[in-house]
Amino acid sequence: MQSLAIFPLFYLPPVSYFTALKEHHFDYVIEKHEHFVKQTYRNRASIASPDGILDLMIPVVKGSKFHTPIKDVKISYDSKWQRLHWLSLQTCYRSSAYFEYYEDGLVPFYTKKYDFLLDYNLELLNWILKQMKQSSPENFTQEYEKEIGTELDFRDKFNKNTIHIGETKTYFQVFSDRNKFIPNLSIVDLLFNQGPQAKTYL
């Protein structure tokens, strides 16, 4: 029976993801054997734009959408999504307090091509954790385990309609002069606006 909390791998995960990691003292297992779940943060992230929430989606190779283990899902490069995502991040956050502080570290993720979604998400997660002075994950599932304790299973707990309990504090966001505070955006929203204080915010 699984004794550590299991977390899925997301693309630029939402703030609530890291709140939950902190509540488990960053002692957790990464799920590598679940089936790819469509329309989740596994291949999309939400950022702040002048018009509100902007979703960035990583396209996957056709055939990877149904009953494919997450470790086997391949990224599609039929469209120039990396360029689009990077331009969106620049446009939305260039005026934020810390965008330039993190810019050079993020650029490689939008120039280098990765074959598998899991590898891409994992390297991004490692980079984010490093910025927050946390170590990279060391534990991964060896097989898919459907039934584990509810309090330990975070594979289905993060979505746009369910904000992790306790995630209510506000912080300054770009476009706050025209938009209300938007909770549970991608962790990069917190990093770009709060910088090293992001860890304290959690």
N, C-alpha and C. Protein backbone atom coordinates (compact mmCIF):
# COMPACT_ATOMS: atom_id res chain seq x y z
N MET A 1 0.84 -1.20 0.00
CA MET A 1 0.00 0.00 0.00
C MET A 1 0.88 1.25 0.00
N GLN A 2 0.51 2.21 -0.82
CA GLN A 2 1.26 3.45 -0.93
C GLN A 2 1.25 4.21 0.39
N SER A 3 2.43 4.64 0.86
CA SER A 3 2.51 5.33 2.15
C SER A 3 2.78 6.82 1.99
N LEU A 4 3.21 7.26 0.78
CA LEU A 4 3.45 8.67 0.53
C LEU A 4 2.37 9.21 -0.41
N ALA A 5 2.17 10.51 -0.35
CA ALA A 5 1.19 11.14 -1.24
C ALA A 5 1.65 11.00 -2.69
N ILE A 6 0.70 10.73 -3.59
CA ILE A 6 1.00 10.61 -5.01
C ILE A 6 0.52 11.86 -5.74
N PHE A 7 1.43 12.45 -6.51
CA PHE A 7 1.11 13.64 -7.29
C PHE A 7 1.30 13.36 -8.77
N PRO A 8 0.44 13.92 -9.60
CA PRO A 8 0.63 13.81 -11.05
C PRO A 8 1.70 14.81 -11.49
N LEU A 9 2.17 14.68 -12.71
CA LEU A 9 3.10 15.65 -13.27
C LEU A 9 2.34 16.61 -14.17
N PHE A 10 2.42 17.89 -13.87
CA PHE A 10 1.71 18.90 -14.64
C PHE A 10 2.69 19.80 -15.39
N TYR A 11 2.14 20.51 -16.36
CA TYR A 11 2.88 21.54 -17.08
C TYR A 11 2.73 22.86 -16.32
N LEU A 12 3.83 23.39 -15.80
CA LEU A 12 3.78 24.63 -15.01
C LEU A 12 2.60 24.58 -14.04
N PRO A 13 2.66 23.70 -13.05
CA PRO A 13 1.51 23.42 -12.17
C PRO A 13 0.93 24.65 -11.50
N PRO A 14 -0.35 24.56 -11.10
CA PRO A 14 -0.98 25.68 -10.39
C PRO A 14 -0.41 25.85 -8.99
N VAL A 15 -0.65 27.01 -8.41
CA VAL A 15 -0.13 27.32 -7.07
C VAL A 15 -0.61 26.28 -6.05
N SER A 16 -1.86 25.83 -6.18
CA SER A 16 -2.41 24.87 -5.22
C SER A 16 -1.62 23.57 -5.18
N TYR A 17 -1.01 23.22 -6.28
CA TYR A 17 -0.17 22.01 -6.36
C TYR A 17 1.00 22.13 -5.38
N PHE A 18 1.63 23.29 -5.35
CA PHE A 18 2.79 23.49 -4.48
C PHE A 18 2.37 23.71 -3.03
N THR A 19 1.18 24.25 -2.83
CA THR A 19 0.64 24.34 -1.48
C THR A 19 0.50 22.95 -0.88
N ALA A 20 -0.04 22.04 -1.70
CA ALA A 20 -0.22 20.66 -1.24
C ALA A 20 1.13 19.96 -1.03
N LEU A 21 2.09 20.22 -1.92
CA LEU A 21 3.42 19.63 -1.73
C LEU A 21 4.03 20.08 -0.40
N LYS A 22 3.86 21.36 -0.10
CA LYS A 22 4.41 21.88 1.15
C LYS A 22 3.73 21.25 2.36
N GLU A 23 2.41 21.05 2.25
CA GLU A 23 1.69 20.43 3.36
C GLU A 23 2.18 19.01 3.63
N HIS A 24 2.75 18.39 2.59
CA HIS A 24 3.31 17.04 2.76
C HIS A 24 4.83 17.11 2.90
N HIS A 25 5.32 18.29 3.24
CA HIS A 25 6.74 18.50 3.51
C HIS A 25 7.62 18.11 2.32
N PHE A 26 7.08 18.27 1.12
CA PHE A 26 7.78 17.95 -0.12
C PHE A 26 8.31 16.51 -0.11
N ASP A 27 7.56 15.64 0.54
CA ASP A 27 7.89 14.21 0.59
C ASP A 27 6.75 13.47 -0.12
N TYR A 28 6.97 13.08 -1.36
CA TYR A 28 5.87 12.60 -2.18
C TYR A 28 6.38 11.68 -3.29
N VAL A 29 5.44 11.09 -4.01
CA VAL A 29 5.74 10.20 -5.14
C VAL A 29 5.13 10.80 -6.40
N ILE A 30 5.86 10.75 -7.50
CA ILE A 30 5.35 11.21 -8.79
C ILE A 30 4.75 10.03 -9.56
N GLU A 31 3.53 10.22 -10.05
CA GLU A 31 2.85 9.17 -10.81
C GLU A 31 3.40 9.09 -12.24
N LYS A 32 3.91 7.92 -12.61
CA LYS A 32 4.45 7.73 -13.96
C LYS A 32 3.64 6.75 -14.81
N HIS A 33 2.67 6.08 -14.21
CA HIS A 33 2.01 4.98 -14.91
C HIS A 33 0.51 5.17 -15.11
N GLU A 34 -0.02 6.30 -14.73
CA GLU A 34 -1.44 6.54 -14.98
C GLU A 34 -1.68 6.73 -16.48
N HIS A 35 -2.94 6.58 -16.89
CA HIS A 35 -3.30 6.88 -18.27
C HIS A 35 -3.40 8.39 -18.42
N PHE A 36 -3.03 8.88 -19.59
CA PHE A 36 -3.10 10.31 -19.86
C PHE A 36 -4.55 10.78 -19.73
N VAL A 37 -4.74 11.85 -18.98
CA VAL A 37 -6.08 12.40 -18.75
C VAL A 37 -6.20 13.71 -19.53
N LYS A 38 -7.17 13.78 -20.43
CA LYS A 38 -7.36 14.97 -21.26
C LYS A 38 -7.94 16.13 -20.44
N GLN A 39 -7.71 17.32 -20.94
CA GLN A 39 -8.27 18.55 -20.38
C GLN A 39 -7.95 18.72 -18.89
N THR A 40 -6.69 18.45 -18.58
CA THR A 40 -6.20 18.67 -17.21
C THR A 40 -4.89 19.45 -17.30
N TYR A 41 -4.33 19.76 -16.15
CA TYR A 41 -3.07 20.50 -16.11
C TYR A 41 -1.88 19.67 -16.57
N ARG A 42 -2.10 18.42 -16.93
CA ARG A 42 -0.98 17.59 -17.38
C ARG A 42 -0.33 18.15 -18.63
N ASN A 43 -1.11 18.80 -19.46
CA ASN A 43 -0.52 19.41 -20.66
C ASN A 43 -1.03 20.83 -20.90
N ARG A 44 -1.48 21.48 -19.82
CA ARG A 44 -1.90 22.87 -19.98
C ARG A 44 -1.67 23.64 -18.68
N ALA A 45 -1.52 24.94 -18.84
CA ALA A 45 -1.31 25.82 -17.69
C ALA A 45 -2.13 27.08 -17.87
N SER A 46 -2.48 27.73 -16.78
CA SER A 46 -3.28 28.95 -16.83
C SER A 46 -2.46 30.12 -16.30
N ILE A 47 -2.39 31.18 -17.11
CA ILE A 47 -1.66 32.38 -16.71
C ILE A 47 -2.59 33.59 -16.78
N ALA A 48 -2.12 34.73 -16.28
CA ALA A 48 -2.91 35.95 -16.30
C ALA A 48 -2.62 36.75 -17.56
N SER A 49 -3.67 37.21 -18.22
CA SER A 49 -3.54 38.05 -19.40
C SER A 49 -4.36 39.32 -19.19
N PRO A 50 -4.24 40.31 -20.07
CA PRO A 50 -5.05 41.52 -19.91
C PRO A 50 -6.55 41.24 -19.90
N ASP A 51 -6.96 40.14 -20.53
CA ASP A 51 -8.38 39.80 -20.61
C ASP A 51 -8.80 38.73 -19.60
N GLY A 52 -7.93 38.43 -18.66
CA GLY A 52 -8.26 37.41 -17.67
C GLY A 52 -7.39 36.18 -17.83
N ILE A 53 -7.96 35.01 -17.62
CA ILE A 53 -7.19 33.76 -17.68
C ILE A 53 -6.87 33.39 -19.12
N LEU A 54 -5.61 33.03 -19.36
CA LEU A 54 -5.18 32.53 -20.66
C LEU A 54 -4.62 31.13 -20.46
N ASP A 55 -5.17 30.16 -21.18
CA ASP A 55 -4.70 28.78 -21.08
C ASP A 55 -3.66 28.49 -22.16
N LEU A 56 -2.56 27.89 -21.74
CA LEU A 56 -1.51 27.45 -22.66
C LEU A 56 -1.54 25.93 -22.71
N MET A 57 -1.68 25.36 -23.89
CA MET A 57 -1.81 23.91 -24.01
C MET A 57 -0.68 23.32 -24.85
N ILE A 58 -0.10 22.24 -24.35
CA ILE A 58 0.92 21.51 -25.11
C ILE A 58 0.20 20.44 -25.94
N PRO A 59 0.31 20.48 -27.26
CA PRO A 59 -0.34 19.46 -28.08
C PRO A 59 0.41 18.13 -27.97
N VAL A 60 -0.33 17.05 -27.99
CA VAL A 60 0.30 15.72 -27.93
C VAL A 60 0.05 14.98 -29.23
N VAL A 61 0.90 14.03 -29.51
CA VAL A 61 0.81 13.26 -30.75
C VAL A 61 -0.51 12.51 -30.80
N LYS A 62 -1.15 12.54 -31.94
CA LYS A 62 -2.43 11.84 -32.11
C LYS A 62 -2.26 10.37 -31.75
N GLY A 63 -3.22 9.88 -30.99
CA GLY A 63 -3.13 8.51 -30.51
C GLY A 63 -2.68 8.44 -29.06
N SER A 64 -2.19 9.57 -28.55
CA SER A 64 -1.73 9.61 -27.16
C SER A 64 -2.83 10.03 -26.21
N LYS A 65 -4.03 10.20 -26.74
CA LYS A 65 -5.09 10.76 -25.91
C LYS A 65 -5.97 9.72 -25.23
N PHE A 66 -5.85 8.46 -25.66
CA PHE A 66 -6.77 7.46 -25.12
C PHE A 66 -6.00 6.28 -24.54
N HIS A 67 -6.13 6.11 -23.24
CA HIS A 67 -5.56 4.94 -22.55
C HIS A 67 -4.07 4.75 -22.81
N THR A 68 -3.36 5.86 -22.93
CA THR A 68 -1.91 5.80 -23.09
C THR A 68 -1.26 6.15 -21.76
N PRO A 69 -0.35 5.31 -21.27
CA PRO A 69 0.36 5.65 -20.03
C PRO A 69 1.05 7.00 -20.18
N ILE A 70 1.00 7.81 -19.14
CA ILE A 70 1.55 9.16 -19.21
C ILE A 70 3.01 9.15 -19.61
N LYS A 71 3.74 8.11 -19.22
CA LYS A 71 5.17 8.06 -19.56
C LYS A 71 5.41 7.85 -21.04
N ASP A 72 4.38 7.44 -21.79
CA ASP A 72 4.52 7.17 -23.23
C ASP A 72 3.91 8.26 -24.11
N VAL A 73 3.34 9.28 -23.49
CA VAL A 73 2.70 10.35 -24.27
C VAL A 73 3.76 11.24 -24.90
N LYS A 74 3.69 11.38 -26.22
CA LYS A 74 4.67 12.19 -26.95
C LYS A 74 4.11 13.58 -27.26
N ILE A 75 5.01 14.55 -27.25
CA ILE A 75 4.65 15.93 -27.58
C ILE A 75 4.62 16.10 -29.08
N SER A 76 3.62 16.82 -29.58
CA SER A 76 3.52 17.11 -31.00
C SER A 76 4.14 18.48 -31.29
N TYR A 77 4.88 18.52 -32.39
CA TYR A 77 5.47 19.79 -32.83
C TYR A 77 4.93 20.21 -34.19
N ASP A 78 3.73 19.75 -34.51
CA ASP A 78 3.08 20.14 -35.77
C ASP A 78 2.81 21.64 -35.80
N SER A 79 2.55 22.21 -34.63
CA SER A 79 2.38 23.65 -34.50
C SER A 79 3.55 24.21 -33.71
N LYS A 80 3.79 25.51 -33.81
CA LYS A 80 4.90 26.14 -33.10
C LYS A 80 4.44 26.59 -31.71
N TRP A 81 4.01 25.61 -30.92
CA TRP A 81 3.45 25.93 -29.62
C TRP A 81 4.50 26.51 -28.67
N GLN A 82 5.76 26.07 -28.77
CA GLN A 82 6.79 26.61 -27.87
C GLN A 82 6.96 28.11 -28.08
N ARG A 83 7.00 28.51 -29.33
CA ARG A 83 7.14 29.94 -29.64
C ARG A 83 5.92 30.71 -29.13
N LEU A 84 4.73 30.13 -29.34
CA LEU A 84 3.50 30.78 -28.90
C LEU A 84 3.47 30.93 -27.38
N HIS A 85 3.84 29.87 -26.67
CA HIS A 85 3.83 29.90 -25.20
C HIS A 85 4.82 30.94 -24.67
N TRP A 86 6.01 30.95 -25.26
CA TRP A 86 7.02 31.88 -24.78
C TRP A 86 6.62 33.33 -25.07
N LEU A 87 6.06 33.57 -26.24
CA LEU A 87 5.58 34.92 -26.56
C LEU A 87 4.46 35.34 -25.60
N SER A 88 3.61 34.38 -25.25
CA SER A 88 2.51 34.68 -24.31
C SER A 88 3.06 35.02 -22.94
N LEU A 89 4.05 34.27 -22.47
CA LEU A 89 4.65 34.54 -21.17
C LEU A 89 5.34 35.90 -21.17
N GLN A 90 6.04 36.20 -22.25
CA GLN A 90 6.70 37.50 -22.35
C GLN A 90 5.69 38.65 -22.36
N THR A 91 4.66 38.49 -23.19
CA THR A 91 3.66 39.55 -23.32
C THR A 91 2.93 39.79 -22.01
N CYS A 92 2.59 38.72 -21.32
CA CYS A 92 1.80 38.84 -20.09
C CYS A 92 2.62 39.24 -18.87
N TYR A 93 3.91 38.90 -18.85
CA TYR A 93 4.68 39.09 -17.62
C TYR A 93 5.92 39.97 -17.75
N ARG A 94 6.17 40.51 -18.93
CA ARG A 94 7.36 41.33 -19.09
C ARG A 94 7.40 42.48 -18.08
N SER A 95 6.25 43.01 -17.72
CA SER A 95 6.21 44.13 -16.78
C SER A 95 6.18 43.70 -15.31
N SER A 96 6.16 42.41 -15.05
CA SER A 96 6.13 41.95 -13.66
C SER A 96 7.50 42.16 -13.02
N ALA A 97 7.52 42.15 -11.70
CA ALA A 97 8.73 42.50 -10.96
C ALA A 97 9.89 41.55 -11.17
N TYR A 98 9.60 40.26 -11.42
CA TYR A 98 10.68 39.27 -11.43
C TYR A 98 10.81 38.48 -12.73
N PHE A 99 10.11 38.88 -13.78
CA PHE A 99 10.20 38.12 -15.02
C PHE A 99 11.65 38.00 -15.50
N GLU A 100 12.37 39.11 -15.51
CA GLU A 100 13.75 39.09 -15.99
C GLU A 100 14.65 38.22 -15.11
N TYR A 101 14.29 38.11 -13.85
CA TYR A 101 15.07 37.29 -12.91
C TYR A 101 15.03 35.81 -13.30
N TYR A 102 13.90 35.36 -13.83
CA TYR A 102 13.73 33.95 -14.16
C TYR A 102 13.82 33.66 -15.67
N GLU A 103 13.85 34.69 -16.47
CA GLU A 103 13.75 34.55 -17.92
C GLU A 103 14.79 33.59 -18.51
N ASP A 104 16.05 33.80 -18.18
CA ASP A 104 17.11 32.99 -18.77
C ASP A 104 16.97 31.51 -18.42
N GLY A 105 16.46 31.23 -17.23
CA GLY A 105 16.28 29.84 -16.82
C GLY A 105 15.15 29.14 -17.55
N LEU A 106 14.17 29.92 -17.96
CA LEU A 106 13.00 29.33 -18.63
C LEU A 106 13.17 29.18 -20.14
N VAL A 107 13.98 30.03 -20.74
CA VAL A 107 14.14 30.03 -22.19
C VAL A 107 14.42 28.64 -22.78
N PRO A 108 15.32 27.84 -22.19
CA PRO A 108 15.62 26.53 -22.79
C PRO A 108 14.40 25.63 -22.95
N PHE A 109 13.40 25.79 -22.09
CA PHE A 109 12.21 24.95 -22.19
C PHE A 109 11.35 25.31 -23.39
N TYR A 110 11.66 26.43 -24.02
CA TYR A 110 10.89 26.87 -25.18
C TYR A 110 11.74 26.93 -26.45
N THR A 111 12.94 26.33 -26.35
CA THR A 111 13.79 26.22 -27.52
C THR A 111 14.21 24.76 -27.77
N LYS A 112 14.45 24.03 -26.71
CA LYS A 112 14.81 22.63 -26.83
C LYS A 112 13.56 21.77 -27.04
N LYS A 113 13.67 20.75 -27.90
CA LYS A 113 12.54 19.86 -28.14
C LYS A 113 12.67 18.60 -27.28
N TYR A 114 11.59 18.29 -26.61
CA TYR A 114 11.51 17.07 -25.80
C TYR A 114 10.57 16.10 -26.50
N ASP A 115 10.91 14.81 -26.47
CA ASP A 115 10.04 13.81 -27.10
C ASP A 115 8.80 13.54 -26.26
N PHE A 116 9.01 13.36 -24.96
CA PHE A 116 7.92 12.90 -24.10
C PHE A 116 7.44 13.99 -23.15
N LEU A 117 6.12 14.06 -22.97
CA LEU A 117 5.51 15.04 -22.08
C LEU A 117 6.01 14.88 -20.65
N LEU A 118 6.14 13.65 -20.20
CA LEU A 118 6.57 13.42 -18.82
C LEU A 118 7.97 13.98 -18.58
N ASP A 119 8.88 13.76 -19.51
CA ASP A 119 10.25 14.26 -19.35
C ASP A 119 10.27 15.79 -19.31
N TYR A 120 9.47 16.39 -20.17
CA TYR A 120 9.40 17.85 -20.23
C TYR A 120 8.84 18.42 -18.92
N ASN A 121 7.72 17.86 -18.48
CA ASN A 121 7.11 18.33 -17.24
C ASN A 121 8.02 18.12 -16.04
N LEU A 122 8.73 16.99 -16.03
CA LEU A 122 9.61 16.70 -14.90
C LEU A 122 10.78 17.68 -14.83
N GLU A 123 11.38 17.99 -15.97
CA GLU A 123 12.49 18.94 -15.96
C GLU A 123 12.02 20.34 -15.57
N LEU A 124 10.82 20.70 -16.02
CA LEU A 124 10.25 21.99 -15.62
C LEU A 124 9.99 22.03 -14.12
N LEU A 125 9.44 20.94 -13.59
CA LEU A 125 9.18 20.88 -12.15
C LEU A 125 10.48 20.98 -11.37
N ASN A 126 11.51 20.29 -11.83
CA ASN A 126 12.80 20.37 -11.15
C ASN A 126 13.33 21.80 -11.13
N TRP A 127 13.16 22.50 -12.25
CA TRP A 127 13.62 23.89 -12.33
C TRP A 127 12.85 24.78 -11.35
N ILE A 128 11.53 24.60 -11.31
CA ILE A 128 10.69 25.41 -10.43
C ILE A 128 11.05 25.15 -8.97
N LEU A 129 11.20 23.88 -8.61
CA LEU A 129 11.55 23.54 -7.22
C LEU A 129 12.90 24.14 -6.83
N LYS A 130 13.83 24.16 -7.77
CA LYS A 130 15.14 24.74 -7.51
C LYS A 130 15.01 26.23 -7.19
N GLN A 131 14.13 26.92 -7.91
CA GLN A 131 13.92 28.35 -7.65
C GLN A 131 13.33 28.57 -6.25
N MET A 132 12.63 27.56 -5.75
CA MET A 132 11.99 27.68 -4.44
C MET A 132 12.81 27.00 -3.35
N LYS A 133 14.07 26.69 -3.71
CA LYS A 133 15.01 26.09 -2.74
C LYS A 133 14.51 24.75 -2.20
N GLN A 134 13.90 23.98 -3.09
CA GLN A 134 13.44 22.63 -2.73
C GLN A 134 14.15 21.62 -3.63
N SER A 135 14.33 20.41 -3.14
CA SER A 135 15.01 19.38 -3.92
C SER A 135 14.07 18.75 -4.94
N SER A 136 14.63 18.16 -5.96
CA SER A 136 13.86 17.50 -7.00
C SER A 136 13.23 16.22 -6.47
N PRO A 137 12.11 15.80 -7.05
CA PRO A 137 11.48 14.55 -6.59
C PRO A 137 12.40 13.35 -6.82
N GLU A 138 12.39 12.44 -5.87
CA GLU A 138 13.24 11.26 -5.97
C GLU A 138 12.44 9.97 -6.09
N ASN A 139 11.14 10.04 -5.78
CA ASN A 139 10.33 8.83 -5.77
C ASN A 139 9.30 8.84 -6.89
N PHE A 140 9.18 7.72 -7.59
CA PHE A 140 8.25 7.57 -8.69
C PHE A 140 7.50 6.24 -8.55
N THR A 141 6.27 6.22 -9.01
CA THR A 141 5.50 4.97 -8.92
C THR A 141 6.13 3.92 -9.83
N GLN A 142 6.02 2.68 -9.42
CA GLN A 142 6.55 1.55 -10.21
C GLN A 142 5.47 0.90 -11.06
N GLU A 143 4.23 1.15 -10.69
CA GLU A 143 3.07 0.63 -11.43
C GLU A 143 1.87 1.48 -11.04
N TYR A 144 0.78 1.31 -11.80
CA TYR A 144 -0.41 2.09 -11.47
C TYR A 144 -1.18 1.41 -10.35
N GLU A 145 -1.46 2.18 -9.32
CA GLU A 145 -2.19 1.67 -8.16
C GLU A 145 -3.48 2.47 -8.05
N LYS A 146 -4.60 1.84 -8.35
CA LYS A 146 -5.87 2.57 -8.40
C LYS A 146 -6.37 2.96 -7.03
N GLU A 147 -6.33 2.04 -6.09
CA GLU A 147 -6.91 2.27 -4.77
C GLU A 147 -5.83 2.63 -3.75
N ILE A 148 -5.76 3.90 -3.38
CA ILE A 148 -4.90 4.31 -2.27
C ILE A 148 -5.72 5.25 -1.39
N GLY A 149 -5.20 5.58 -0.24
CA GLY A 149 -5.94 6.44 0.67
C GLY A 149 -6.30 7.77 0.04
N THR A 150 -7.53 8.22 0.23
CA THR A 150 -7.99 9.46 -0.36
C THR A 150 -7.11 10.64 0.01
N GLU A 151 -6.65 10.65 1.25
CA GLU A 151 -5.83 11.77 1.71
C GLU A 151 -4.44 11.77 1.07
N LEU A 152 -4.08 10.67 0.42
CA LEU A 152 -2.75 10.57 -0.21
C LEU A 152 -2.79 10.70 -1.73
N ASP A 153 -3.97 10.63 -2.31
CA ASP A 153 -4.11 10.59 -3.77
C ASP A 153 -4.46 11.97 -4.31
N PHE A 154 -3.49 12.60 -4.96
CA PHE A 154 -3.71 13.94 -5.51
C PHE A 154 -3.83 13.92 -7.04
N ARG A 155 -3.98 12.74 -7.60
CA ARG A 155 -3.99 12.63 -9.06
C ARG A 155 -5.21 13.28 -9.70
N ASP A 156 -6.30 13.39 -8.97
CA ASP A 156 -7.51 13.99 -9.54
C ASP A 156 -8.00 15.19 -8.74
N LYS A 157 -7.13 15.77 -7.92
CA LYS A 157 -7.59 16.81 -7.01
C LYS A 157 -7.38 18.24 -7.49
N PHE A 158 -6.69 18.42 -8.61
CA PHE A 158 -6.43 19.77 -9.07
C PHE A 158 -7.15 20.06 -10.37
N ASN A 159 -8.08 20.98 -10.33
CA ASN A 159 -8.73 21.44 -11.55
C ASN A 159 -9.21 22.85 -11.32
N LYS A 160 -9.72 23.47 -12.37
CA LYS A 160 -10.08 24.88 -12.29
C LYS A 160 -11.24 25.15 -11.34
N ASN A 161 -12.03 24.13 -11.06
CA ASN A 161 -13.20 24.32 -10.22
C ASN A 161 -12.96 23.96 -8.76
N THR A 162 -11.82 23.34 -8.50
CA THR A 162 -11.52 22.91 -7.13
C THR A 162 -10.20 23.51 -6.70
N ILE A 163 -10.23 24.60 -5.99
CA ILE A 163 -9.02 25.23 -5.50
C ILE A 163 -8.68 24.62 -4.15
N HIS A 164 -7.44 24.21 -4.03
CA HIS A 164 -7.00 23.53 -2.82
C HIS A 164 -7.33 24.35 -1.58
N ILE A 165 -7.86 23.69 -0.57
CA ILE A 165 -8.27 24.37 0.65
C ILE A 165 -7.09 25.13 1.26
N GLY A 166 -7.34 26.32 1.72
CA GLY A 166 -6.29 27.13 2.29
C GLY A 166 -5.69 28.10 1.28
N GLU A 167 -6.00 27.88 -0.01
CA GLU A 167 -5.45 28.75 -1.05
C GLU A 167 -6.36 29.95 -1.24
N THR A 168 -6.25 30.89 -0.33
CA THR A 168 -7.14 32.05 -0.39
C THR A 168 -6.40 33.38 -0.34
N LYS A 169 -5.13 33.37 0.00
CA LYS A 169 -4.38 34.61 0.12
C LYS A 169 -4.19 35.26 -1.25
N THR A 170 -4.26 36.57 -1.27
CA THR A 170 -4.03 37.29 -2.52
C THR A 170 -2.59 37.80 -2.56
N TYR A 171 -2.13 38.12 -3.74
CA TYR A 171 -0.84 38.77 -3.93
C TYR A 171 -0.97 39.65 -5.17
N PHE A 172 -0.06 40.58 -5.34
CA PHE A 172 -0.14 41.48 -6.47
C PHE A 172 0.08 40.71 -7.77
N GLN A 173 -0.80 40.92 -8.74
CA GLN A 173 -0.68 40.31 -10.06
C GLN A 173 -0.62 41.38 -11.13
N VAL A 174 0.03 41.06 -12.24
CA VAL A 174 -0.01 41.98 -13.37
C VAL A 174 -1.47 42.12 -13.80
N PHE A 175 -1.79 43.26 -14.32
CA PHE A 175 -3.15 43.59 -14.75
C PHE A 175 -4.14 43.67 -13.59
N SER A 176 -3.63 43.83 -12.38
CA SER A 176 -4.54 43.95 -11.23
C SER A 176 -5.36 45.24 -11.30
N ASP A 177 -4.91 46.17 -12.16
CA ASP A 177 -5.66 47.41 -12.30
C ASP A 177 -6.93 47.22 -13.12
N ARG A 178 -7.01 46.10 -13.84
CA ARG A 178 -8.20 45.85 -14.66
C ARG A 178 -8.90 44.53 -14.34
N ASN A 179 -8.20 43.62 -13.69
CA ASN A 179 -8.80 42.33 -13.34
C ASN A 179 -8.80 42.12 -11.83
N LYS A 180 -9.81 41.42 -11.34
CA LYS A 180 -9.79 41.00 -9.94
C LYS A 180 -8.70 39.94 -9.76
N PHE A 181 -8.33 39.70 -8.50
CA PHE A 181 -7.33 38.68 -8.23
C PHE A 181 -7.80 37.34 -8.76
N ILE A 182 -6.93 36.65 -9.48
CA ILE A 182 -7.25 35.33 -10.04
C ILE A 182 -6.49 34.27 -9.26
N PRO A 183 -7.18 33.46 -8.47
CA PRO A 183 -6.48 32.45 -7.66
C PRO A 183 -6.08 31.24 -8.48
N ASN A 184 -5.07 30.54 -7.99
CA ASN A 184 -4.69 29.23 -8.52
C ASN A 184 -4.23 29.24 -9.97
N LEU A 185 -3.53 30.29 -10.35
CA LEU A 185 -2.90 30.29 -11.67
C LEU A 185 -1.63 29.45 -11.60
N SER A 186 -0.94 29.34 -12.72
CA SER A 186 0.33 28.62 -12.74
C SER A 186 1.30 29.21 -11.73
N ILE A 187 2.17 28.36 -11.23
CA ILE A 187 3.18 28.80 -10.26
C ILE A 187 4.04 29.92 -10.83
N VAL A 188 4.18 30.00 -12.16
CA VAL A 188 5.02 31.07 -12.72
C VAL A 188 4.39 32.44 -12.47
N ASP A 189 3.07 32.49 -12.35
CA ASP A 189 2.42 33.76 -12.02
C ASP A 189 2.90 34.25 -10.66
N LEU A 190 2.98 33.33 -9.70
CA LEU A 190 3.47 33.67 -8.37
C LEU A 190 4.95 34.03 -8.40
N LEU A 191 5.74 33.27 -9.13
CA LEU A 191 7.17 33.54 -9.22
C LEU A 191 7.46 34.89 -9.87
N PHE A 192 6.80 35.15 -10.98
CA PHE A 192 7.06 36.40 -11.69
C PHE A 192 6.64 37.63 -10.88
N ASN A 193 5.62 37.47 -10.06
CA ASN A 193 5.13 38.61 -9.28
C ASN A 193 5.74 38.72 -7.89
N GLN A 194 6.12 37.58 -7.31
CA GLN A 194 6.63 37.60 -5.93
C GLN A 194 8.09 37.22 -5.80
N GLY A 195 8.64 36.60 -6.83
CA GLY A 195 10.05 36.23 -6.79
C GLY A 195 10.39 35.29 -5.66
N PRO A 196 11.50 35.50 -4.97
CA PRO A 196 11.92 34.62 -3.88
C PRO A 196 10.90 34.51 -2.74
N GLN A 197 9.97 35.45 -2.67
CA GLN A 197 8.94 35.40 -1.63
C GLN A 197 7.86 34.37 -1.91
N ALA A 198 7.90 33.77 -3.10
CA ALA A 198 6.89 32.78 -3.47
C ALA A 198 6.84 31.63 -2.47
N LYS A 199 7.99 31.19 -2.01
CA LYS A 199 8.06 30.09 -1.06
C LYS A 199 7.36 30.47 0.24
N THR A 200 7.56 31.71 0.68
CA THR A 200 6.92 32.17 1.91
C THR A 200 5.40 32.25 1.74
N TYR A 201 4.95 32.64 0.54
CA TYR A 201 3.53 32.74 0.27
C TYR A 201 2.82 31.39 0.50
N LEU A 202 3.47 30.31 0.08
CA LEU A 202 2.86 29.00 0.24
C LEU A 202 2.68 28.66 1.71
